[in-house]
Every structure is written in C-alpha cells, then in structure tokens.
C-alpha atoms as a PDB file:
ATOM      1  CA  MET A   1      -9.928 -12.631  51.792  1.00  0.00           C
ATOM      2  CA  ALA A   2      -6.532 -11.079  52.474  1.00  0.00           C
ATOM      3  CA  LYS A   3      -4.569  -9.255  49.785  1.00  0.00           C
ATOM      4  CA  VAL A   4      -0.996 -10.326  49.328  1.00  0.00           C
ATOM      5  CA  THR A   5       0.214  -7.109  47.634  1.00  0.00           C
ATOM      6  CA  PRO A   6      -0.078  -3.658  49.177  1.00  0.00           C
ATOM      7  CA  ASN A   7      -2.583  -1.241  47.705  1.00  0.00           C
ATOM      8  CA  PRO A   8      -1.062   0.874  46.100  1.00  0.00           C
ATOM      9  CA  PRO A   9       2.226  -0.967  45.538  1.00  0.00           C
ATOM     10  CA  ASP A  10       5.301   0.432  47.233  1.00  0.00           C
ATOM     11  CA  ALA A  11       6.979   2.945  44.957  1.00  0.00           C
ATOM     12  CA  ASP A  12      10.155   3.281  46.967  1.00  0.00           C
ATOM     13  CA  GLU A  13      11.647   0.022  45.704  1.00  0.00           C
ATOM     14  CA  HIS A  14      15.169   0.530  44.448  1.00  0.00           C
ATOM     15  CA  ILE A  15      15.810  -0.673  40.889  1.00  0.00           C
ATOM     16  CA  SER A  16      19.406  -1.536  40.204  1.00  0.00           C
ATOM     17  CA  ARG A  17      21.216  -0.303  37.125  1.00  0.00           C
ATOM     18  CA  ALA A  18      21.438  -3.868  35.791  1.00  0.00           C
ATOM     19  CA  GLN A  19      17.685  -4.342  36.277  1.00  0.00           C
ATOM     20  CA  SER A  20      16.865  -1.054  34.491  1.00  0.00           C
ATOM     21  CA  THR A  21      19.193  -2.021  31.620  1.00  0.00           C
ATOM     22  CA  ARG A  22      17.503  -5.414  31.396  1.00  0.00           C
ATOM     23  CA  ASN A  23      14.067  -3.744  31.411  1.00  0.00           C
ATOM     24  CA  LYS A  24      15.174  -1.388  28.634  1.00  0.00           C
ATOM     25  CA  LYS A  25      16.442  -4.321  26.563  1.00  0.00           C
ATOM     26  CA  ILE A  26      13.137  -6.121  27.018  1.00  0.00           C
ATOM     27  CA  ASP A  27      11.193  -2.992  26.063  1.00  0.00           C
ATOM     28  CA  ASP A  28      13.363  -2.499  22.967  1.00  0.00           C
ATOM     29  CA  ALA A  29      12.910  -6.141  21.956  1.00  0.00           C
ATOM     30  CA  ALA A  30       9.138  -5.859  22.380  1.00  0.00           C
ATOM     31  CA  THR A  31       9.084  -2.685  20.280  1.00  0.00           C
ATOM     32  CA  ARG A  32      11.116  -4.334  17.525  1.00  0.00           C
ATOM     33  CA  ALA A  33       8.821  -7.382  17.557  1.00  0.00           C
ATOM     34  CA  LEU A  34       5.695  -5.235  17.367  1.00  0.00           C
ATOM     35  CA  ASP A  35       7.176  -3.097  14.596  1.00  0.00           C
ATOM     36  CA  PHE A  36       8.120  -6.231  12.665  1.00  0.00           C
ATOM     37  CA  TYR A  37       4.573  -7.558  12.709  1.00  0.00           C
ATOM     38  CA  LEU A  38       2.529  -4.358  12.765  1.00  0.00           C
ATOM     39  CA  LYS A  39       4.696  -2.133  10.559  1.00  0.00           C
ATOM     40  CA  PRO A  40       6.106  -4.463   7.924  1.00  0.00           C
ATOM     41  CA  LYS A  41       8.580  -3.007   5.473  1.00  0.00           C
ATOM     42  CA  PRO A  42       7.546  -3.281   1.829  1.00  0.00           C
ATOM     43  CA  LYS A  43       9.030  -6.301   0.148  1.00  0.00           C
ATOM     44  CA  SER A  44      11.466  -5.711  -2.663  1.00  0.00           C
ATOM     45  CA  GLU A  45      10.065  -5.657  -6.151  1.00  0.00           C
ATOM     46  CA  THR A  46      10.294  -9.139  -7.601  1.00  0.00           C
ATOM     47  CA  SER A  47       8.284  -8.515 -10.746  1.00  0.00           C
ATOM     48  CA  ASP A  48      10.963  -6.336 -12.342  1.00  0.00           C
ATOM     49  CA  LYS A  49      13.362  -8.725 -13.993  1.00  0.00           C
ATOM     50  CA  SER A  50      16.786  -7.629 -15.140  1.00  0.00           C
ATOM     51  CA  ASP A  51      15.960  -8.503 -18.754  1.00  0.00           C
ATOM     52  CA  SER A  52      12.899  -6.222 -18.789  1.00  0.00           C
ATOM     53  CA  ILE A  53      12.966  -3.129 -20.999  1.00  0.00           C
ATOM     54  CA  PHE A  54      10.582  -1.077 -18.896  1.00  0.00           C
ATOM     55  CA  ARG A  55      10.826  -0.777 -15.125  1.00  0.00           C
ATOM     56  CA  ILE A  56       9.066   1.183 -12.435  1.00  0.00           C
ATOM     57  CA  ASP A  57      11.240   2.865  -9.873  1.00  0.00           C
ATOM     58  CA  PRO A  58      10.526   1.250  -6.465  1.00  0.00           C
ATOM     59  CA  ALA A  59      10.822   4.680  -4.832  1.00  0.00           C
ATOM     60  CA  VAL A  60       7.752   6.017  -6.675  1.00  0.00           C
ATOM     61  CA  ASP A  61       4.836   6.521  -4.293  1.00  0.00           C
ATOM     62  CA  SER A  62       1.366   5.077  -4.825  1.00  0.00           C
ATOM     63  CA  GLU A  63      -0.226   8.445  -5.608  1.00  0.00           C
ATOM     64  CA  CYS A  64       2.109   8.946  -8.561  1.00  0.00           C
ATOM     65  CA  LEU A  65       1.496   5.394  -9.787  1.00  0.00           C
ATOM     66  CA  LEU A  66      -2.282   5.815  -9.567  1.00  0.00           C
ATOM     67  CA  ALA A  67      -2.147   9.180 -11.341  1.00  0.00           C
ATOM     68  CA  ASN A  68      -0.182   7.657 -14.219  1.00  0.00           C
ATOM     69  CA  LEU A  69      -2.533   4.675 -14.338  1.00  0.00           C
ATOM     70  CA  SER A  70      -5.506   7.006 -14.564  1.00  0.00           C
ATOM     71  CA  GLU A  71      -3.892   8.992 -17.392  1.00  0.00           C
ATOM     72  CA  ASN A  72      -2.995   5.809 -19.293  1.00  0.00           C
ATOM     73  CA  LEU A  73      -6.553   4.537 -18.972  1.00  0.00           C
ATOM     74  CA  ALA A  74      -7.884   7.880 -20.229  1.00  0.00           C
ATOM     75  CA  SER A  75      -5.584   7.621 -23.253  1.00  0.00           C
ATOM     76  CA  ALA A  76      -6.691   4.041 -23.946  1.00  0.00           C
ATOM     77  CA  ASN A  77     -10.299   5.185 -23.571  1.00  0.00           C
ATOM     78  CA  ALA A  78      -9.822   7.898 -26.202  1.00  0.00           C
ATOM     79  CA  MET A  79      -8.068   5.519 -28.617  1.00  0.00           C
ATOM     80  CA  ILE A  80     -10.626   2.711 -28.383  1.00  0.00           C
ATOM     81  CA  SER A  81     -13.606   5.062 -28.578  1.00  0.00           C
ATOM     82  CA  ASP A  82     -12.171   6.625 -31.734  1.00  0.00           C
ATOM     83  CA  LEU A  83     -11.672   3.147 -33.172  1.00  0.00           C
ATOM     84  CA  ALA A  84     -15.109   1.881 -32.070  1.00  0.00           C
ATOM     85  CA  PHE A  85     -16.959   4.613 -33.934  1.00  0.00           C
ATOM     86  CA  ASP A  86     -15.111   3.772 -37.163  1.00  0.00           C
ATOM     87  CA  LEU A  87     -16.169   0.096 -37.004  1.00  0.00           C
ATOM     88  CA  ASP A  88     -19.443  -1.637 -37.856  1.00  0.00           C
ATOM     89  CA  GLY A  89     -21.172  -4.804 -36.706  1.00  0.00           C
ATOM     90  CA  SER A  90     -19.672  -7.271 -34.280  1.00  0.00           C
ATOM     91  CA  ARG A  91     -16.234  -5.618 -34.345  1.00  0.00           C
ATOM     92  CA  ARG A  92     -17.821  -2.412 -33.095  1.00  0.00           C
ATOM     93  CA  ARG A  93     -19.507  -4.300 -30.229  1.00  0.00           C
ATOM     94  CA  VAL A  94     -16.166  -5.851 -29.273  1.00  0.00           C
ATOM     95  CA  ALA A  95     -14.500  -2.435 -29.281  1.00  0.00           C
ATOM     96  CA  LEU A  96     -17.345  -0.951 -27.202  1.00  0.00           C
ATOM     97  CA  GLY A  97     -16.978  -3.839 -24.713  1.00  0.00           C
ATOM     98  CA  ILE A  98     -13.267  -3.070 -24.393  1.00  0.00           C
ATOM     99  CA  LEU A  99     -14.178   0.608 -23.987  1.00  0.00           C
ATOM    100  CA  GLN A 100     -16.549  -0.234 -21.135  1.00  0.00           C
ATOM    101  CA  VAL A 101     -13.890  -2.287 -19.324  1.00  0.00           C
ATOM    102  CA  ILE A 102     -11.415   0.587 -19.682  1.00  0.00           C
ATOM    103  CA  GLU A 103     -13.959   3.109 -18.382  1.00  0.00           C
ATOM    104  CA  LEU A 104     -14.786   0.938 -15.354  1.00  0.00           C
ATOM    105  CA  ASN A 105     -11.101   0.557 -14.530  1.00  0.00           C
ATOM    106  CA  GLU A 106     -10.601   4.282 -14.978  1.00  0.00           C
ATOM    107  CA  LEU A 107     -13.362   4.899 -12.409  1.00  0.00           C
ATOM    108  CA  LEU A 108     -11.680   2.470 -10.000  1.00  0.00           C
ATOM    109  CA  ALA A 109      -8.281   4.121 -10.469  1.00  0.00           C
ATOM    110  CA  ASN A 110      -9.743   7.586  -9.940  1.00  0.00           C
ATOM    111  CA  ARG A 111     -11.528   6.461  -6.782  1.00  0.00           C
ATOM    112  CA  ALA A 112      -8.314   4.906  -5.455  1.00  0.00           C
ATOM    113  CA  LEU A 113      -6.513   8.151  -6.281  1.00  0.00           C
ATOM    114  CA  ASP A 114      -9.127  10.080  -4.284  1.00  0.00           C
ATOM    115  CA  ILE A 115      -8.600   8.020  -1.135  1.00  0.00           C
ATOM    116  CA  VAL A 116      -4.847   7.441  -1.262  1.00  0.00           C
ATOM    117  CA  GLU A 117      -2.894   9.080   1.537  1.00  0.00           C
ATOM    118  CA  VAL A 118      -0.549  11.805   0.358  1.00  0.00           C
ATOM    119  CA  ARG A 119       2.892  11.443   1.933  1.00  0.00           C
END
C-alpha cells in the first residue's frame, strides 16, 4: 500500500501572511468557543430583587459566604438549644428536632468550608 503523504511531512512549505492570519483567527475563535463552554462566567444574581431590604454583594467569594453561613448556623444552634432546655413535653421534642437539623447543616457548611478553594 503506497502512502500519499511524505513521512515526515515537508516542513519547508511557505505559509502566506493571509494564511497565517486566517489560522490565527481560527485558533482565536476555537479558544473563545472552548472558553465559553468550559469556563462559563457566573450568571448575574437574579434572586436579589430591587425591593429587597437585605442583599448579598455579588463580589463576595464563596469562602466568605460559607464562613458567614457557618457562624449563623452556630448562632441559631445556641439559641434553639437554650430554648429547648427551657421547654417540656412535645414542644421540647420539636425544638430538639430543629436543633438537630441546624447541627447537621452546620456540619455540611463546615465541610464545604474545608474543601472550598481559597482565591
């Protein structure tokens, strides 16, 4: 079986300036397309409405958000545990159930904080 192309290909082919410009444009377009699909930019915050009293700055990084979430959960944990031990009967069981949900979410937030990449 005969090969049609030389082995190795001829390297002394002359590439015109127009061809190199066209190749650069194609390479740039491919890079933009790959960046668009593989490195998407974060979408703008749609949950923050203009009539909302409290807002979260979109520039805040995820580590800061997770740290604040963890602190808020710890505060809620302290408040509900204080309340639960002042109650009796079924109300106490409800408060202890809420306490358990808060503690589980606090563990999740702390674990996420441990693995988040610091920028």
